[in-house]
Structures are given as C-alpha cells and as structure tokens.
C-alpha cells in the first residue's frame, strides 16, 4: 500500500470496514497542537470525508490547564462529542486538565 494522503487513507479504511459491517470504526489521527493549522485542516477534511457518528478528543493530562486552549482549537475544527483525558495518575497536572 503506497497511499500517503491521510484523508484518502481514512476514507478507504472507513469504506472497507463499513462494507464488512463493522460496528465500531476508529480513525486515529496524529497528534495536534493548537498552532498547527495545517494539521487541524487535515483533521477537518478527514472528519468531513468520513462523516463520523462521534468525534472524541483524546488529550494527555500532563498539559494541565493548557488543555483548555487545545480543546478549543480542536472544537473549532470538528464537532467534538466526547473527551478522554489520559494519564490522570501520572502527575498533579491532571486536575488542571479537568478544570480546563
């Protein structure tokens, strides 16, 4: 497989799994930073092309209160329906991520 366009890869994968009647399809994009406009545009294109039932924002709690800005940037690109905060047990910044 030689395709390198993330949008095409996501569309082909989702189409294939839908044809196989999969109940759950997860499309995991690479990490994003609020200052990487091109990556957020790519994520918007993936979402628009695959038409997900649910978009989940997954963030590492180690960013603390900076999670608010990151979540806002994410939400401006795609319709977020759920949030998962990881590594809550790793450090004290988890509370900051929750408050954000």
Protein backbone atom coordinates (compact mmCIF):
# COMPACT_ATOMS: atom_id res chain seq x y z
CA UNK A 1 0.00 0.00 0.00
CA UNK A 2 1.58 3.25 -1.13
CA UNK A 3 -1.05 5.92 -0.40
CA UNK A 4 0.28 8.79 1.72
CA UNK A 5 -2.71 11.17 1.83
CA UNK A 6 -4.25 10.81 5.33
CA UNK A 7 -7.71 11.79 4.08
CA UNK A 8 -7.71 9.15 1.33
CA UNK A 9 -6.36 6.53 3.73
CA UNK A 10 -9.12 7.29 6.24
CA UNK A 11 -11.85 7.22 3.59
CA UNK A 12 -10.63 3.93 2.11
CA UNK A 13 -10.38 2.35 5.56
CA UNK A 14 -13.81 3.51 6.70
CA UNK A 15 -15.42 2.40 3.42
CA UNK A 16 -13.82 -1.03 3.70
CA UNK A 17 -14.92 -1.58 7.29
CA UNK A 18 -18.44 -0.32 6.59
CA UNK A 19 -18.71 -2.87 3.77
CA UNK A 20 -17.64 -5.52 6.27
CA UNK A 21 -20.46 -4.33 8.59
CA UNK A 22 -18.14 -3.41 11.45
CA UNK A 23 -20.00 -1.99 14.45
CA UNK A 24 -17.17 0.27 15.52
CA UNK A 25 -14.57 2.02 13.38
CA UNK A 26 -11.87 4.15 15.00
CA UNK A 27 -9.89 6.61 12.89
CA UNK A 28 -6.91 7.80 14.91
CA UNK A 29 -5.23 10.94 13.62
CA UNK A 30 -1.74 12.04 14.54
CA UNK A 31 -1.32 14.41 17.46
CA UNK A 32 -2.27 18.03 17.02
CA UNK A 33 -1.03 21.25 18.56
CA UNK A 34 -3.19 24.36 18.55
CA UNK A 35 -0.61 26.22 16.46
CA UNK A 36 -0.52 23.64 13.65
CA UNK A 37 -3.24 24.99 11.38
CA UNK A 38 -2.44 22.59 8.53
CA UNK A 39 -2.93 19.55 10.78
CA UNK A 40 -6.25 20.87 12.04
CA UNK A 41 -7.34 21.42 8.43
CA UNK A 42 -6.33 17.85 7.64
CA UNK A 43 -8.38 16.62 10.60
CA UNK A 44 -11.36 18.67 9.42
CA UNK A 45 -11.04 17.11 5.97
CA UNK A 46 -10.86 13.59 7.43
CA UNK A 47 -13.97 14.26 9.50
CA UNK A 48 -15.84 15.77 6.56
CA UNK A 49 -14.90 12.88 4.26
CA UNK A 50 -15.63 10.03 6.70
CA UNK A 51 -18.72 11.55 8.37
CA UNK A 52 -18.18 10.05 11.85
CA UNK A 53 -21.02 9.42 14.28
CA UNK A 54 -18.83 10.63 17.14
CA UNK A 55 -15.59 12.60 17.37
CA UNK A 56 -13.60 12.01 20.56
CA UNK A 57 -10.92 14.44 21.69
CA UNK A 58 -8.17 12.49 23.49
CA UNK A 59 -5.66 14.52 25.47
CA UNK A 60 -2.78 13.83 27.81
CA UNK A 61 -3.44 15.34 31.23
CA UNK A 62 0.20 16.37 31.55
CA UNK A 63 -0.57 19.57 29.63
CA UNK A 64 -2.62 20.76 32.61
CA UNK A 65 -4.66 23.92 32.12
CA UNK A 66 -3.26 24.32 28.60
CA UNK A 67 -5.84 21.63 27.82
CA UNK A 68 -8.46 24.38 27.55
CA UNK A 69 -6.74 26.11 24.63
CA UNK A 70 -6.03 22.79 22.95
CA UNK A 71 -9.65 21.66 23.33
CA UNK A 72 -10.89 24.99 21.93
CA UNK A 73 -8.66 24.65 18.86
CA UNK A 74 -9.86 21.08 18.35
CA UNK A 75 -13.52 22.07 18.75
CA UNK A 76 -13.15 24.85 16.17
CA UNK A 77 -12.09 22.27 13.58
CA UNK A 78 -14.53 19.42 14.20
CA UNK A 79 -17.68 18.75 16.20
CA UNK A 80 -16.40 17.16 19.40
CA UNK A 81 -18.86 14.80 21.06
CA UNK A 82 -16.70 13.35 23.85
CA UNK A 83 -13.40 13.85 25.66
CA UNK A 84 -10.94 11.31 27.05
CA UNK A 85 -8.21 12.54 29.40
CA UNK A 86 -5.31 10.11 29.71
CA UNK A 87 -2.53 9.64 32.29
CA UNK A 88 -4.51 11.17 35.15
CA UNK A 89 -2.48 9.16 37.65
CA UNK A 90 0.90 10.33 36.37
CA UNK A 91 1.21 13.80 37.88
CA UNK A 92 -0.50 16.69 39.61
CA UNK A 93 -1.40 18.48 36.37
CA UNK A 94 -4.36 16.13 35.85
CA UNK A 95 -6.53 18.42 37.97
CA UNK A 96 -5.65 21.34 35.73
CA UNK A 97 -6.71 19.36 32.69
CA UNK A 98 -10.03 18.53 34.35
CA UNK A 99 -10.69 22.14 35.32
CA UNK A 100 -9.97 23.28 31.77
